[in-house]
Amino acid sequence: MKSSMNKKIAAMGIAGLTGFAFVISALGSNVLGVNAKTTETVIVTERKDKVKPASGSAIDVKDKVKPASGSAIDGKDKVKPTTDTPPKSPEKNNNTKKVKIKKTKKTAKNKIKITLSGTNTWSNAQVIIKTSEEKNVKAKITKKTSTYCVIQTNKKLEKNTYIIKLKGIKVKGSSKYETITTKIKVK
């Protein structure tokens, strides 16, 4: 058994087992090594069925591998194999541009035009208008383009400051629709 382990150690040193830089020592039926990609110390245990690998290398990828804990190794612990590739990190969406408002102005007695920067897209657009006293003003979006929208209120806009929220708009190419808020002061 010991001579076969020495042969395996020599074969690993020569064959350069994928993912292992070198073998440090043999402990009973376990082999202590260092993973070249992650610099993690690992213990490779022999397979119980003593099947020789078809690849010609001393230790098959299907052998059981576990991280070394620094405590005594008893050879009885069998752990699932580890992989050489690190886990994928969640991809970040680079298209997180915000819709920006260039200008808001009253165009008629009961109409407001909001000019937007960039090219934008709409989906299930809604508008909410409130006075500075938090009273709702009934309104609807009458025209939507990629660069502006026109909002019409049911009644004439009196002298006041109005808070306008537009829902269901995004910058073209962005993944998420958002709500934007602006103010207009009617004199």
Protein backbone atom coordinates (compact mmCIF):
# COMPACT_ATOMS: atom_id res chain seq x y z
CA MET A 1 0.00 0.00 0.00
CA LYS A 2 2.77 2.42 0.95
CA SER A 3 4.72 1.72 -2.25
CA SER A 4 1.61 2.31 -4.38
CA MET A 5 1.12 5.64 -2.58
CA ASN A 6 4.73 6.62 -3.34
CA LYS A 7 4.12 5.78 -7.00
CA LYS A 8 1.03 7.97 -6.97
CA ILE A 9 2.98 10.83 -5.40
CA ALA A 10 5.71 10.49 -8.03
CA ALA A 11 3.13 10.28 -10.83
CA MET A 12 1.39 13.42 -9.56
CA GLY A 13 4.69 15.28 -9.46
CA ILE A 14 5.47 14.23 -13.03
CA ALA A 15 1.99 14.33 -14.57
CA GLY A 16 1.12 17.63 -12.85
CA LEU A 17 -2.46 16.73 -11.91
CA THR A 18 -4.76 19.49 -13.15
CA GLY A 19 -5.37 22.02 -10.38
CA PHE A 20 -2.56 20.80 -8.07
CA ALA A 21 0.84 22.47 -8.05
CA PHE A 22 2.64 19.80 -6.05
CA VAL A 23 2.12 17.14 -3.39
CA ILE A 24 3.40 17.89 0.10
CA SER A 25 3.17 14.50 1.81
CA ALA A 26 1.26 11.23 2.04
CA LEU A 27 -0.65 10.39 5.23
CA GLY A 28 -1.90 6.82 5.30
CA SER A 29 -4.45 6.54 2.49
CA ASN A 30 -4.70 10.34 2.10
CA VAL A 31 -2.56 12.65 -0.02
CA LEU A 32 -2.09 16.25 1.10
CA GLY A 33 -1.74 18.76 -1.75
CA VAL A 34 -2.08 22.42 -2.63
CA ASN A 35 -4.56 23.64 -5.23
CA ALA A 36 -2.61 25.81 -7.69
CA LYS A 37 -5.56 28.01 -8.65
CA THR A 38 -6.93 28.87 -5.21
CA THR A 39 -3.85 28.12 -3.03
CA GLU A 40 -6.18 26.05 -0.83
CA THR A 41 -4.71 23.02 0.90
CA VAL A 42 -6.70 19.89 0.08
CA ILE A 43 -6.65 16.22 1.02
CA VAL A 44 -7.24 13.67 -1.74
CA THR A 45 -8.43 10.30 -0.47
CA GLU A 46 -8.27 7.02 -2.33
CA ARG A 47 -11.37 5.54 -3.87
CA LYS A 48 -12.84 2.54 -2.06
CA ASP A 49 -13.42 0.52 -5.23
CA LYS A 50 -9.69 0.76 -6.18
CA VAL A 51 -10.59 1.44 -9.82
CA LYS A 52 -7.61 2.63 -11.85
CA PRO A 53 -8.29 5.88 -13.71
CA ALA A 54 -8.67 5.63 -17.48
CA SER A 55 -6.77 8.88 -18.06
CA GLY A 56 -3.40 7.38 -17.15
CA SER A 57 -2.79 9.77 -14.26
CA ALA A 58 -2.33 8.52 -10.72
CA ILE A 59 -5.44 10.11 -9.24
CA ASP A 60 -8.76 10.46 -11.06
CA VAL A 61 -10.93 13.58 -10.89
CA LYS A 62 -13.63 11.39 -9.32
CA ASP A 63 -11.46 10.82 -6.24
CA LYS A 64 -12.81 12.36 -3.07
CA VAL A 65 -11.32 15.73 -2.09
CA LYS A 66 -11.78 17.79 1.07
CA PRO A 67 -10.13 20.92 2.48
CA ALA A 68 -7.41 20.32 5.09
CA SER A 69 -8.50 21.50 8.51
CA GLY A 70 -5.14 21.45 10.30
CA SER A 71 -6.37 18.79 12.74
CA ALA A 72 -5.38 15.12 12.76
CA ILE A 73 -6.51 13.17 9.71
CA ASP A 74 -8.10 9.81 10.42
CA GLY A 75 -8.76 8.72 6.80
CA LYS A 76 -12.39 7.82 7.57
CA ASP A 77 -13.88 11.11 6.41
CA LYS A 78 -15.10 11.03 2.82
CA VAL A 79 -16.21 14.32 1.30
CA LYS A 80 -17.66 15.32 -2.08
CA PRO A 81 -15.11 16.36 -4.74
CA THR A 82 -14.35 20.02 -5.20
CA THR A 83 -14.15 21.80 -8.53
CA ASP A 84 -11.28 23.85 -9.88
CA THR A 85 -13.55 26.67 -11.12
CA PRO A 86 -14.60 29.29 -8.58
CA PRO A 87 -18.34 29.98 -8.21
CA LYS A 88 -19.73 32.55 -10.62
CA SER A 89 -20.45 35.95 -9.17
CA PRO A 90 -23.86 37.43 -10.00
CA GLU A 91 -23.68 39.58 -13.10
CA LYS A 92 -24.31 43.24 -12.62
CA ASN A 93 -26.55 45.06 -15.01
CA ASN A 94 -24.51 47.84 -16.60
CA ASN A 95 -27.65 49.42 -18.09
CA THR A 96 -28.88 51.18 -14.98
CA LYS A 97 -29.20 54.69 -16.42
CA LYS A 98 -31.85 56.89 -14.84
CA VAL A 99 -34.41 58.93 -16.76
CA LYS A 100 -33.56 62.61 -16.45
CA ILE A 101 -35.92 65.55 -16.83
CA LYS A 102 -34.60 68.49 -18.86
CA LYS A 103 -37.51 70.89 -18.52
CA THR A 104 -41.07 71.08 -17.18
CA LYS A 105 -43.38 73.88 -18.31
CA LYS A 106 -47.05 74.79 -18.47
CA THR A 107 -48.08 75.09 -22.14
CA ALA A 108 -51.79 75.90 -21.80
CA LYS A 109 -54.38 76.44 -19.07
CA ASN A 110 -54.52 72.75 -18.26
CA LYS A 111 -51.47 71.23 -20.02
CA ILE A 112 -47.92 70.50 -18.90
CA LYS A 113 -45.03 69.46 -21.17
CA ILE A 114 -42.16 67.47 -19.64
CA THR A 115 -39.01 67.27 -21.77
CA LEU A 116 -36.70 64.32 -21.06
CA SER A 117 -33.02 63.80 -21.82
CA GLY A 118 -31.93 60.88 -23.97
CA THR A 119 -34.12 58.31 -25.70
CA ASN A 120 -36.75 56.74 -23.47
CA THR A 121 -39.42 54.06 -23.71
CA TRP A 122 -42.81 53.83 -22.00
CA SER A 123 -44.87 50.93 -20.64
CA ASN A 124 -48.22 51.28 -18.85
CA ALA A 125 -47.47 54.94 -18.21
CA GLN A 126 -49.33 56.69 -15.41
CA VAL A 127 -49.25 60.19 -13.99
CA ILE A 128 -50.01 61.41 -10.48
CA ILE A 129 -50.20 65.14 -9.77
CA LYS A 130 -50.50 66.61 -6.28
CA THR A 131 -50.58 70.17 -5.04
CA SER A 132 -48.16 71.42 -2.43
CA GLU A 133 -51.01 70.83 0.08
CA GLU A 134 -51.06 67.09 -0.93
CA LYS A 135 -54.38 67.35 -2.83
CA ASN A 136 -54.68 65.09 -5.87
CA VAL A 137 -55.28 66.66 -9.29
CA LYS A 138 -56.95 64.47 -11.93
CA ALA A 139 -54.73 64.17 -14.99
CA LYS A 140 -53.76 61.92 -17.89
CA ILE A 141 -50.88 61.59 -20.32
CA THR A 142 -52.13 62.71 -23.75
CA LYS A 143 -48.89 62.32 -25.74
CA LYS A 144 -45.75 60.25 -25.21
CA THR A 145 -42.60 60.29 -27.32
CA SER A 146 -39.09 59.12 -26.62
CA THR A 147 -38.05 62.65 -25.61
CA TYR A 148 -41.12 64.28 -24.03
CA CYS A 149 -44.69 63.83 -22.81
CA VAL A 150 -47.75 66.05 -22.53
CA ILE A 151 -50.02 65.87 -19.49
CA GLN A 152 -53.55 67.27 -19.43
CA THR A 153 -55.44 68.04 -16.23
CA ASN A 154 -59.24 68.07 -15.91
CA LYS A 155 -59.26 71.58 -14.50
CA LYS A 156 -57.27 74.76 -15.02
CA LEU A 157 -53.98 74.81 -13.11
CA GLU A 158 -54.25 77.54 -10.46
CA LYS A 159 -51.34 79.43 -8.89
CA ASN A 160 -49.58 76.74 -6.89
CA THR A 161 -46.64 74.34 -6.85
CA TYR A 162 -47.46 70.92 -8.29
CA ILE A 163 -45.58 67.66 -7.75
CA ILE A 164 -45.75 65.37 -10.82
CA LYS A 165 -44.90 61.64 -10.71
CA LEU A 166 -44.52 59.70 -13.96
CA LYS A 167 -44.57 55.90 -13.70
CA GLY A 168 -43.59 53.36 -16.36
CA ILE A 169 -40.64 55.01 -18.10
CA LYS A 170 -37.06 53.87 -18.68
CA VAL A 171 -34.01 54.86 -20.67
CA LYS A 172 -33.87 52.87 -23.92
CA GLY A 173 -31.70 49.78 -23.34
CA SER A 174 -32.20 49.80 -19.58
CA SER A 175 -33.84 46.76 -18.00
CA LYS A 176 -36.16 48.32 -15.41
CA TYR A 177 -39.02 50.79 -15.64
CA GLU A 178 -38.99 53.51 -13.03
CA THR A 179 -40.94 56.39 -11.50
CA ILE A 180 -39.65 59.93 -11.87
CA THR A 181 -40.75 63.02 -9.97
CA THR A 182 -40.63 66.71 -10.86
CA LYS A 183 -42.13 69.98 -9.66
CA ILE A 184 -43.69 72.87 -11.49
CA LYS A 185 -44.62 76.25 -10.09
CA VAL A 186 -47.61 77.87 -11.77
CA LYS A 187 -47.66 81.67 -11.47
